[in-house]
Amino acid sequence: MSRQMNVSLFTDAIAEMCVEANLRLSKDMSAAMANAIQSEQSTLGKKVLSQLEENLKIADTESIPICQDTGMAVIFLEIGQEVQLVGGDLTEAVNAGVKKGYTEGYLRKSVVADPLLRENTKDNTPAVIHTSIVPGDQVKITVAPKGFGSENMSKVFMLKPADGAEGVKEAILSAVKDAGPNACPPIVIGVGIGGTFEKCALMAKHALTRETGTHSPLPHIRAMEEELLEKINALGIGPGGLGGKITALAIHIETYPTHIAGLPVAVNLCCHVNRHCTRII
């Protein structure tokens, strides 16, 4: 039995979610930050983390953005195959929600209509929309505003199969080393391994929306996540890039089958706020 759903529901939900994600840290990220303050051993690093936490509290109390870069809106839609969308164009409805959220929420508009001509669209549209069809009669919406301080530090590596797991780990570590303080650490690291050039990048982006600190269900990938987090936090970059133990709060890895001749790896870095908000309608 199909379930009819008017696309206007997406507009209203996404408008609210854009504001929520930009003004308030998600519960999983709040817990990760609190744990980081307890774990940091450097006096300066602990001070930086405490200042970041104070900033987050002020943003929450005064309903102002947790970062001046309110990001480009990345939207993941998992649409149940039993859902019948009515009432208009889905993409237009999603962008209407982003426009409403960013204009009525007084969030910074950071999107330019053409990557070379650079004229601002003045409403933060269009969003980057990723849609997948899944079983069921519900729609899961995830809004993840992505700032470009950390986005600009992200990388894709087209490794050779012979590079293996050690080559993958070295690529991830090199991406973090090269980013240094520019990704606003402590960071969350999304990694995609496998698929194709574009598939690994999409997985890396999606991995950032996973509940912070949870692990892959695959034992060998979980072991890699744990090993890499330890190695990354031993680099000494630290909070704000000023030294310390906590360079990363979490690393999340997603995998997909790939071609016999390739080993694509994408590393998508995200700053300490790692904004994401999810609803099911």
C-alpha atoms as a PDB file:
ATOM      1  CA  MET A   1       0.000   0.000   0.000  1.00  0.00           C
ATOM      2  CA  SER A   2       1.537   3.284  -1.084  1.00  0.00           C
ATOM      3  CA  ARG A   3       1.575   6.352   1.126  1.00  0.00           C
ATOM      4  CA  GLN A   4       1.041   9.767  -0.412  1.00  0.00           C
ATOM      5  CA  MET A   5       3.311  12.525   0.826  1.00  0.00           C
ATOM      6  CA  ASN A   6       3.117  16.159  -0.207  1.00  0.00           C
ATOM      7  CA  VAL A   7       6.511  17.632  -1.013  1.00  0.00           C
ATOM      8  CA  SER A   8       5.617  20.715   1.029  1.00  0.00           C
ATOM      9  CA  LEU A   9       6.438  18.584   4.079  1.00  0.00           C
ATOM     10  CA  PHE A  10      10.061  18.585   2.927  1.00  0.00           C
ATOM     11  CA  THR A  11      10.110  22.362   2.581  1.00  0.00           C
ATOM     12  CA  ASP A  12       8.911  22.970   6.131  1.00  0.00           C
ATOM     13  CA  ALA A  13      11.079  20.261   7.702  1.00  0.00           C
ATOM     14  CA  ILE A  14      14.260  21.271   5.914  1.00  0.00           C
ATOM     15  CA  ALA A  15      13.764  24.958   6.744  1.00  0.00           C
ATOM     16  CA  GLU A  16      13.591  24.085  10.442  1.00  0.00           C
ATOM     17  CA  MET A  17      16.487  21.627  10.208  1.00  0.00           C
ATOM     18  CA  CYS A  18      18.816  24.144   8.523  1.00  0.00           C
ATOM     19  CA  VAL A  19      18.327  26.489  11.452  1.00  0.00           C
ATOM     20  CA  GLU A  20      18.555  23.740  14.087  1.00  0.00           C
ATOM     21  CA  ALA A  21      21.781  22.292  12.653  1.00  0.00           C
ATOM     22  CA  ASN A  22      23.448  25.704  12.500  1.00  0.00           C
ATOM     23  CA  LEU A  23      22.427  26.909  15.965  1.00  0.00           C
ATOM     24  CA  ARG A  24      22.765  23.817  18.129  1.00  0.00           C
ATOM     25  CA  LEU A  25      25.302  21.042  18.280  1.00  0.00           C
ATOM     26  CA  SER A  26      23.850  17.541  17.957  1.00  0.00           C
ATOM     27  CA  LYS A  27      23.769  15.394  21.107  1.00  0.00           C
ATOM     28  CA  ASP A  28      26.423  12.994  19.838  1.00  0.00           C
ATOM     29  CA  MET A  29      28.810  15.844  19.048  1.00  0.00           C
ATOM     30  CA  SER A  30      28.143  17.479  22.439  1.00  0.00           C
ATOM     31  CA  ALA A  31      29.093  14.225  24.145  1.00  0.00           C
ATOM     32  CA  ALA A  32      32.223  13.918  21.997  1.00  0.00           C
ATOM     33  CA  MET A  33      33.331  17.449  22.879  1.00  0.00           C
ATOM     34  CA  ALA A  34      32.744  16.879  26.593  1.00  0.00           C
ATOM     35  CA  ASN A  35      34.800  13.704  26.439  1.00  0.00           C
ATOM     36  CA  ALA A  36      37.558  15.512  24.555  1.00  0.00           C
ATOM     37  CA  ILE A  37      37.890  18.129  27.293  1.00  0.00           C
ATOM     38  CA  GLN A  38      38.303  15.372  29.863  1.00  0.00           C
ATOM     39  CA  SER A  39      40.815  13.466  27.721  1.00  0.00           C
ATOM     40  CA  GLU A  40      43.007  16.350  26.537  1.00  0.00           C
ATOM     41  CA  GLN A  41      46.303  16.457  28.435  1.00  0.00           C
ATOM     42  CA  SER A  42      47.777  19.657  27.019  1.00  0.00           C
ATOM     43  CA  THR A  43      47.008  22.750  29.091  1.00  0.00           C
ATOM     44  CA  LEU A  44      46.673  24.900  25.978  1.00  0.00           C
ATOM     45  CA  GLY A  45      44.650  22.224  24.190  1.00  0.00           C
ATOM     46  CA  LYS A  46      42.263  21.931  27.130  1.00  0.00           C
ATOM     47  CA  LYS A  47      41.875  25.729  27.167  1.00  0.00           C
ATOM     48  CA  VAL A  48      41.046  25.784  23.450  1.00  0.00           C
ATOM     49  CA  LEU A  49      38.448  23.052  23.893  1.00  0.00           C
ATOM     50  CA  SER A  50      36.901  24.900  26.841  1.00  0.00           C
ATOM     51  CA  GLN A  51      36.636  28.049  24.723  1.00  0.00           C
ATOM     52  CA  LEU A  52      34.983  26.097  21.934  1.00  0.00           C
ATOM     53  CA  GLU A  53      32.519  24.618  24.409  1.00  0.00           C
ATOM     54  CA  GLU A  54      31.752  28.091  25.781  1.00  0.00           C
ATOM     55  CA  ASN A  55      31.097  29.310  22.233  1.00  0.00           C
ATOM     56  CA  LEU A  56      28.669  26.433  21.687  1.00  0.00           C
ATOM     57  CA  LYS A  57      26.802  27.247  24.900  1.00  0.00           C
ATOM     58  CA  ILE A  58      26.493  30.925  23.925  1.00  0.00           C
ATOM     59  CA  ALA A  59      25.179  29.943  20.483  1.00  0.00           C
ATOM     60  CA  ASP A  60      22.575  27.671  22.058  1.00  0.00           C
ATOM     61  CA  THR A  61      21.469  30.201  24.695  1.00  0.00           C
ATOM     62  CA  GLU A  62      21.307  33.193  22.354  1.00  0.00           C
ATOM     63  CA  SER A  63      20.134  31.255  19.258  1.00  0.00           C
ATOM     64  CA  ILE A  64      23.006  32.392  17.059  1.00  0.00           C
ATOM     65  CA  PRO A  65      25.098  30.287  14.643  1.00  0.00           C
ATOM     66  CA  ILE A  66      27.756  28.085  16.189  1.00  0.00           C
ATOM     67  CA  CYS A  67      30.065  29.141  13.336  1.00  0.00           C
ATOM     68  CA  GLN A  68      30.049  32.166  11.039  1.00  0.00           C
ATOM     69  CA  ASP A  69      30.363  29.807   8.053  1.00  0.00           C
ATOM     70  CA  THR A  70      26.855  28.331   8.006  1.00  0.00           C
ATOM     71  CA  GLY A  71      27.876  26.097   5.155  1.00  0.00           C
ATOM     72  CA  MET A  72      26.494  24.806   1.896  1.00  0.00           C
ATOM     73  CA  ALA A  73      23.421  22.688   2.585  1.00  0.00           C
ATOM     74  CA  VAL A  74      24.001  18.997   1.921  1.00  0.00           C
ATOM     75  CA  ILE A  75      20.766  16.988   2.038  1.00  0.00           C
ATOM     76  CA  PHE A  76      20.479  13.207   2.195  1.00  0.00           C
ATOM     77  CA  LEU A  77      17.016  11.833   1.372  1.00  0.00           C
ATOM     78  CA  GLU A  78      16.259   8.148   1.963  1.00  0.00           C
ATOM     79  CA  ILE A  79      12.854   7.718   0.328  1.00  0.00           C
ATOM     80  CA  GLY A  80      10.763   4.632   1.004  1.00  0.00           C
ATOM     81  CA  GLN A  81       9.762   2.908  -2.223  1.00  0.00           C
ATOM     82  CA  GLU A  82       6.142   2.819  -1.063  1.00  0.00           C
ATOM     83  CA  VAL A  83       6.002   6.621  -0.806  1.00  0.00           C
ATOM     84  CA  GLN A  84       4.198   8.521  -3.574  1.00  0.00           C
ATOM     85  CA  LEU A  85       5.397  12.105  -3.728  1.00  0.00           C
ATOM     86  CA  VAL A  86       2.729  14.625  -4.768  1.00  0.00           C
ATOM     87  CA  GLY A  87       2.228  18.362  -4.852  1.00  0.00           C
ATOM     88  CA  GLY A  88       5.196  19.498  -6.908  1.00  0.00           C
ATOM     89  CA  ASP A  89       8.836  18.949  -7.766  1.00  0.00           C
ATOM     90  CA  LEU A  90      10.950  17.354  -5.020  1.00  0.00           C
ATOM     91  CA  THR A  91      14.147  19.267  -5.833  1.00  0.00           C
ATOM     92  CA  GLU A  92      12.285  22.579  -5.875  1.00  0.00           C
ATOM     93  CA  ALA A  93      10.651  21.730  -2.532  1.00  0.00           C
ATOM     94  CA  VAL A  94      14.016  20.921  -0.952  1.00  0.00           C
ATOM     95  CA  ASN A  95      15.604  24.132  -2.221  1.00  0.00           C
ATOM     96  CA  ALA A  96      12.583  26.121  -1.049  1.00  0.00           C
ATOM     97  CA  GLY A  97      13.233  24.722   2.429  1.00  0.00           C
ATOM     98  CA  VAL A  98      16.896  25.724   2.310  1.00  0.00           C
ATOM     99  CA  LYS A  99      15.965  29.203   1.080  1.00  0.00           C
ATOM    100  CA  LYS A 100      13.389  29.634   3.847  1.00  0.00           C
ATOM    101  CA  GLY A 101      15.714  28.350   6.561  1.00  0.00           C
ATOM    102  CA  TYR A 102      18.683  30.492   5.567  1.00  0.00           C
ATOM    103  CA  THR A 103      16.754  33.713   4.904  1.00  0.00           C
ATOM    104  CA  GLU A 104      14.235  33.603   7.768  1.00  0.00           C
ATOM    105  CA  GLY A 105      16.867  32.151  10.107  1.00  0.00           C
ATOM    106  CA  TYR A 106      19.331  34.949   9.247  1.00  0.00           C
ATOM    107  CA  LEU A 107      22.053  32.456   8.352  1.00  0.00           C
ATOM    108  CA  ARG A 108      24.997  33.499   6.188  1.00  0.00           C
ATOM    109  CA  LYS A 109      24.436  32.920   2.482  1.00  0.00           C
ATOM    110  CA  SER A 110      27.586  31.383   1.058  1.00  0.00           C
ATOM    111  CA  VAL A 111      26.571  29.861  -2.280  1.00  0.00           C
ATOM    112  CA  VAL A 112      27.547  31.342  -5.650  1.00  0.00           C
ATOM    113  CA  ALA A 113      25.522  30.521  -8.774  1.00  0.00           C
ATOM    114  CA  ASP A 114      28.540  29.851 -10.990  1.00  0.00           C
ATOM    115  CA  PRO A 115      31.883  28.529  -9.702  1.00  0.00           C
ATOM    116  CA  LEU A 116      33.823  30.947 -11.915  1.00  0.00           C
ATOM    117  CA  LEU A 117      31.606  34.027 -12.157  1.00  0.00           C
ATOM    118  CA  ARG A 118      31.062  33.943  -8.351  1.00  0.00           C
ATOM    119  CA  GLU A 119      27.755  35.812  -8.052  1.00  0.00           C
ATOM    120  CA  ASN A 120      26.036  35.028  -4.745  1.00  0.00           C
ATOM    121  CA  THR A 121      22.552  33.460  -5.000  1.00  0.00           C
ATOM    122  CA  LYS A 122      21.603  35.387  -1.831  1.00  0.00           C
ATOM    123  CA  ASP A 123      19.546  32.525  -0.336  1.00  0.00           C
ATOM    124  CA  ASN A 124      22.135  29.698  -0.027  1.00  0.00           C
ATOM    125  CA  THR A 125      20.532  27.646  -2.771  1.00  0.00           C
ATOM    126  CA  PRO A 126      20.903  25.338  -4.507  1.00  0.00           C
ATOM    127  CA  ALA A 127      21.541  22.571  -2.008  1.00  0.00           C
ATOM    128  CA  VAL A 128      23.567  19.463  -2.811  1.00  0.00           C
ATOM    129  CA  ILE A 129      20.949  16.700  -2.741  1.00  0.00           C
ATOM    130  CA  HIS A 130      21.663  12.978  -2.504  1.00  0.00           C
ATOM    131  CA  THR A 131      18.599  10.750  -2.959  1.00  0.00           C
ATOM    132  CA  SER A 132      18.326   7.008  -2.423  1.00  0.00           C
ATOM    133  CA  ILE A 133      15.346   4.654  -2.629  1.00  0.00           C
ATOM    134  CA  VAL A 134      14.934   2.291   0.331  1.00  0.00           C
ATOM    135  CA  PRO A 135      12.249  -0.140   1.526  1.00  0.00           C
ATOM    136  CA  GLY A 136       9.266   1.213   3.480  1.00  0.00           C
ATOM    137  CA  ASP A 137       6.790   4.081   3.509  1.00  0.00           C
ATOM    138  CA  GLN A 138       8.795   6.779   5.281  1.00  0.00           C
ATOM    139  CA  VAL A 139      11.368   9.372   4.298  1.00  0.00           C
ATOM    140  CA  LYS A 140      14.538   9.983   6.296  1.00  0.00           C
ATOM    141  CA  ILE A 141      15.950  13.489   5.886  1.00  0.00           C
ATOM    142  CA  THR A 142      19.460  14.390   6.980  1.00  0.00           C
ATOM    143  CA  VAL A 143      20.605  17.998   6.717  1.00  0.00           C
ATOM    144  CA  ALA A 144      24.357  18.519   6.974  1.00  0.00           C
ATOM    145  CA  PRO A 145      25.521  22.120   6.404  1.00  0.00           C
ATOM    146  CA  LYS A 146      29.156  21.878   5.294  1.00  0.00           C
ATOM    147  CA  GLY A 147      31.593  24.701   5.889  1.00  0.00           C
ATOM    148  CA  PHE A 148      34.469  25.018   3.466  1.00  0.00           C
ATOM    149  CA  GLY A 149      37.382  25.502   5.833  1.00  0.00           C
ATOM    150  CA  SER A 150      37.390  21.752   6.346  1.00  0.00           C
ATOM    151  CA  GLU A 151      35.835  20.872   2.967  1.00  0.00           C
ATOM    152  CA  ASN A 152      38.798  22.448   1.193  1.00  0.00           C
ATOM    153  CA  MET A 153      41.151  20.119   3.070  1.00  0.00           C
ATOM    154  CA  SER A 154      39.423  16.948   1.848  1.00  0.00           C
ATOM    155  CA  LYS A 155      41.029  14.581  -0.675  1.00  0.00           C
ATOM    156  CA  VAL A 156      40.414  11.672  -3.042  1.00  0.00           C
ATOM    157  CA  PHE A 157      43.135   9.079  -3.623  1.00  0.00           C
ATOM    158  CA  MET A 158      43.014   6.606  -6.503  1.00  0.00           C
ATOM    159  CA  LEU A 159      45.243   3.930  -5.014  1.00  0.00           C
ATOM    160  CA  LYS A 160      46.435   0.691  -6.594  1.00  0.00           C
ATOM    161  CA  PRO A 161      45.072  -2.593  -5.221  1.00  0.00           C
ATOM    162  CA  ALA A 162      48.638  -3.521  -4.223  1.00  0.00           C
ATOM    163  CA  ASP A 163      48.680  -0.549  -1.834  1.00  0.00           C
ATOM    164  CA  GLY A 164      46.276  -2.507   0.376  1.00  0.00           C
ATOM    165  CA  ALA A 165      45.171  -1.580   3.879  1.00  0.00           C
ATOM    166  CA  GLU A 166      48.502   0.031   4.747  1.00  0.00           C
ATOM    167  CA  GLY A 167      48.267   2.292   1.710  1.00  0.00           C
ATOM    168  CA  VAL A 168      44.746   3.298   2.707  1.00  0.00           C
ATOM    169  CA  LYS A 169      45.847   4.167   6.228  1.00  0.00           C
ATOM    170  CA  GLU A 170      48.818   6.176   4.954  1.00  0.00           C
ATOM    171  CA  ALA A 171      46.534   8.137   2.588  1.00  0.00           C
ATOM    172  CA  ILE A 172      44.164   9.024   5.422  1.00  0.00           C
ATOM    173  CA  LEU A 173      46.998  10.055   7.723  1.00  0.00           C
ATOM    174  CA  SER A 174      48.570  12.191   4.986  1.00  0.00           C
ATOM    175  CA  ALA A 175      45.275  14.010   4.409  1.00  0.00           C
ATOM    176  CA  VAL A 176      45.057  14.890   8.101  1.00  0.00           C
ATOM    177  CA  LYS A 177      48.729  15.915   8.280  1.00  0.00           C
ATOM    178  CA  ASP A 178      48.385  18.137   5.214  1.00  0.00           C
ATOM    179  CA  ALA A 179      45.258  19.780   6.646  1.00  0.00           C
ATOM    180  CA  GLY A 180      46.990  20.620   9.928  1.00  0.00           C
ATOM    181  CA  PRO A 181      45.115  23.453  11.661  1.00  0.00           C
ATOM    182  CA  ASN A 182      43.183  24.482   8.537  1.00  0.00           C
ATOM    183  CA  ALA A 183      40.262  22.093   9.102  1.00  0.00           C
ATOM    184  CA  CYS A 184      39.543  23.626  12.556  1.00  0.00           C
ATOM    185  CA  PRO A 185      40.441  20.671  14.789  1.00  0.00           C
ATOM    186  CA  PRO A 186      39.386  18.714  16.669  1.00  0.00           C
ATOM    187  CA  ILE A 187      37.915  17.188  13.530  1.00  0.00           C
ATOM    188  CA  VAL A 188      35.614  14.357  12.550  1.00  0.00           C
ATOM    189  CA  ILE A 189      36.894  12.342   9.600  1.00  0.00           C
ATOM    190  CA  GLY A 190      34.613  10.679   7.077  1.00  0.00           C
ATOM    191  CA  VAL A 191      36.223   8.046   4.846  1.00  0.00           C
ATOM    192  CA  GLY A 192      34.903   6.165   1.826  1.00  0.00           C
ATOM    193  CA  ILE A 193      36.799   3.128   0.557  1.00  0.00           C
ATOM    194  CA  GLY A 194      35.853   1.353  -2.669  1.00  0.00           C
ATOM    195  CA  GLY A 195      33.330   1.917  -5.405  1.00  0.00           C
ATOM    196  CA  THR A 196      34.431   4.472  -8.003  1.00  0.00           C
ATOM    197  CA  PHE A 197      35.854   8.004  -7.987  1.00  0.00           C
ATOM    198  CA  GLU A 198      32.501   9.582  -7.123  1.00  0.00           C
ATOM    199  CA  LYS A 199      31.155   6.746  -4.948  1.00  0.00           C
ATOM    200  CA  CYS A 200      34.009   6.881  -2.448  1.00  0.00           C
ATOM    201  CA  ALA A 201      33.545  10.652  -2.077  1.00  0.00           C
ATOM    202  CA  LEU A 202      29.825  10.256  -1.441  1.00  0.00           C
ATOM    203  CA  MET A 203      30.489   7.584   1.186  1.00  0.00           C
ATOM    204  CA  ALA A 204      33.014   9.832   2.911  1.00  0.00           C
ATOM    205  CA  LYS A 205      30.451  12.632   3.076  1.00  0.00           C
ATOM    206  CA  HIS A 206      27.725  10.308   4.354  1.00  0.00           C
ATOM    207  CA  ALA A 207      30.084   8.853   6.962  1.00  0.00           C
ATOM    208  CA  LEU A 208      30.217  12.265   8.654  1.00  0.00           C
ATOM    209  CA  THR A 209      26.487  12.004   9.430  1.00  0.00           C
ATOM    210  CA  ARG A 210      26.926   8.783  11.400  1.00  0.00           C
ATOM    211  CA  GLU A 211      26.487   9.116  15.152  1.00  0.00           C
ATOM    212  CA  THR A 212      29.851  10.345  16.360  1.00  0.00           C
ATOM    213  CA  GLY A 213      32.003   7.658  17.894  1.00  0.00           C
ATOM    214  CA  THR A 214      30.012   4.667  16.649  1.00  0.00           C
ATOM    215  CA  HIS A 215      31.896   2.044  14.673  1.00  0.00           C
ATOM    216  CA  SER A 216      31.588   0.106  11.449  1.00  0.00           C
ATOM    217  CA  PRO A 217      29.845  -3.266  11.846  1.00  0.00           C
ATOM    218  CA  LEU A 218      32.725  -4.853   9.902  1.00  0.00           C
ATOM    219  CA  PRO A 219      35.396  -6.049  12.372  1.00  0.00           C
ATOM    220  CA  HIS A 220      38.383  -5.231  10.135  1.00  0.00           C
ATOM    221  CA  ILE A 221      37.029  -1.734   9.409  1.00  0.00           C
ATOM    222  CA  ARG A 222      36.290  -1.086  13.083  1.00  0.00           C
ATOM    223  CA  ALA A 223      39.884  -2.095  13.871  1.00  0.00           C
ATOM    224  CA  MET A 224      41.094   0.347  11.218  1.00  0.00           C
ATOM    225  CA  GLU A 225      38.956   3.164  12.675  1.00  0.00           C
ATOM    226  CA  GLU A 226      40.342   2.565  16.153  1.00  0.00           C
ATOM    227  CA  GLU A 227      43.951   2.312  14.952  1.00  0.00           C
ATOM    228  CA  LEU A 228      43.717   5.449  12.835  1.00  0.00           C
ATOM    229  CA  LEU A 229      42.079   7.535  15.562  1.00  0.00           C
ATOM    230  CA  GLU A 230      44.949   6.637  17.886  1.00  0.00           C
ATOM    231  CA  LYS A 231      47.566   7.475  15.247  1.00  0.00           C
ATOM    232  CA  ILE A 232      45.880  10.738  14.254  1.00  0.00           C
ATOM    233  CA  ASN A 233      45.697  11.853  17.871  1.00  0.00           C
ATOM    234  CA  ALA A 234      49.391  11.078  18.211  1.00  0.00           C
ATOM    235  CA  LEU A 235      50.258  13.592  15.472  1.00  0.00           C
ATOM    236  CA  GLY A 236      50.253  16.432  17.996  1.00  0.00           C
ATOM    237  CA  ILE A 237      48.191  18.844  15.873  1.00  0.00           C
ATOM    238  CA  GLY A 238      45.700  19.237  18.714  1.00  0.00           C
ATOM    239  CA  PRO A 239      42.719  21.560  19.278  1.00  0.00           C
ATOM    240  CA  GLY A 240      42.902  24.618  17.064  1.00  0.00           C
ATOM    241  CA  GLY A 241      46.160  23.276  15.649  1.00  0.00           C
ATOM    242  CA  LEU A 242      47.953  24.515  18.774  1.00  0.00           C
ATOM    243  CA  GLY A 243      49.172  21.152  19.977  1.00  0.00           C
ATOM    244  CA  GLY A 244      47.696  18.457  22.136  1.00  0.00           C
ATOM    245  CA  LYS A 245      46.257  14.978  22.182  1.00  0.00           C
ATOM    246  CA  ILE A 246      42.830  15.551  20.635  1.00  0.00           C
ATOM    247  CA  THR A 247      43.267  16.218  16.922  1.00  0.00           C
ATOM    248  CA  ALA A 248      40.221  14.131  15.960  1.00  0.00           C
ATOM    249  CA  LEU A 249      37.024  13.292  17.816  1.00  0.00           C
ATOM    250  CA  ALA A 250      36.133  10.349  15.576  1.00  0.00           C
ATOM    251  CA  ILE A 251      36.837   8.629  12.285  1.00  0.00           C
ATOM    252  CA  HIS A 252      33.986   6.935  10.418  1.00  0.00           C
ATOM    253  CA  ILE A 253      34.682   4.622   7.473  1.00  0.00           C
ATOM    254  CA  GLU A 254      32.213   3.336   4.875  1.00  0.00           C
ATOM    255  CA  THR A 255      33.090   0.724   2.241  1.00  0.00           C
ATOM    256  CA  TYR A 256      31.683  -0.552  -1.051  1.00  0.00           C
ATOM    257  CA  PRO A 257      32.713  -3.203  -3.585  1.00  0.00           C
ATOM    258  CA  THR A 258      35.146  -1.953  -6.216  1.00  0.00           C
ATOM    259  CA  HIS A 259      36.841  -2.915  -9.487  1.00  0.00           C
ATOM    260  CA  ILE A 260      39.696  -5.429  -9.582  1.00  0.00           C
ATOM    261  CA  ALA A 261      42.018  -2.699 -10.860  1.00  0.00           C
ATOM    262  CA  GLY A 262      41.267  -0.006  -8.297  1.00  0.00           C
ATOM    263  CA  LEU A 263      41.245   1.067  -4.656  1.00  0.00           C
ATOM    264  CA  PRO A 264      39.542   4.484  -4.423  1.00  0.00           C
ATOM    265  CA  VAL A 265      39.758   6.295  -1.081  1.00  0.00           C
ATOM    266  CA  ALA A 266      38.107   9.591  -0.152  1.00  0.00           C
ATOM    267  CA  VAL A 267      38.780  11.561   3.014  1.00  0.00           C
ATOM    268  CA  ASN A 268      36.202  14.211   3.921  1.00  0.00           C
ATOM    269  CA  LEU A 269      37.291  16.295   6.895  1.00  0.00           C
ATOM    270  CA  CYS A 270      34.850  18.204   9.081  1.00  0.00           C
ATOM    271  CA  CYS A 271      35.512  20.773  11.779  1.00  0.00           C
ATOM    272  CA  HIS A 272      34.664  20.325  15.441  1.00  0.00           C
ATOM    273  CA  VAL A 273      30.960  21.197  15.017  1.00  0.00           C
ATOM    274  CA  ASN A 274      30.249  18.513  12.362  1.00  0.00           C
ATOM    275  CA  ARG A 275      26.695  19.777  11.872  1.00  0.00           C
ATOM    276  CA  HIS A 276      24.025  17.221  11.096  1.00  0.00           C
ATOM    277  CA  CYS A 277      20.327  16.893  11.854  1.00  0.00           C
ATOM    278  CA  THR A 278      17.996  13.989  11.006  1.00  0.00           C
ATOM    279  CA  ARG A 279      14.212  13.560  10.884  1.00  0.00           C
ATOM    280  CA  ILE A 280      11.900  10.813   9.691  1.00  0.00           C
ATOM    281  CA  ILE A 281       8.523  11.734   8.188  1.00  0.00           C
END
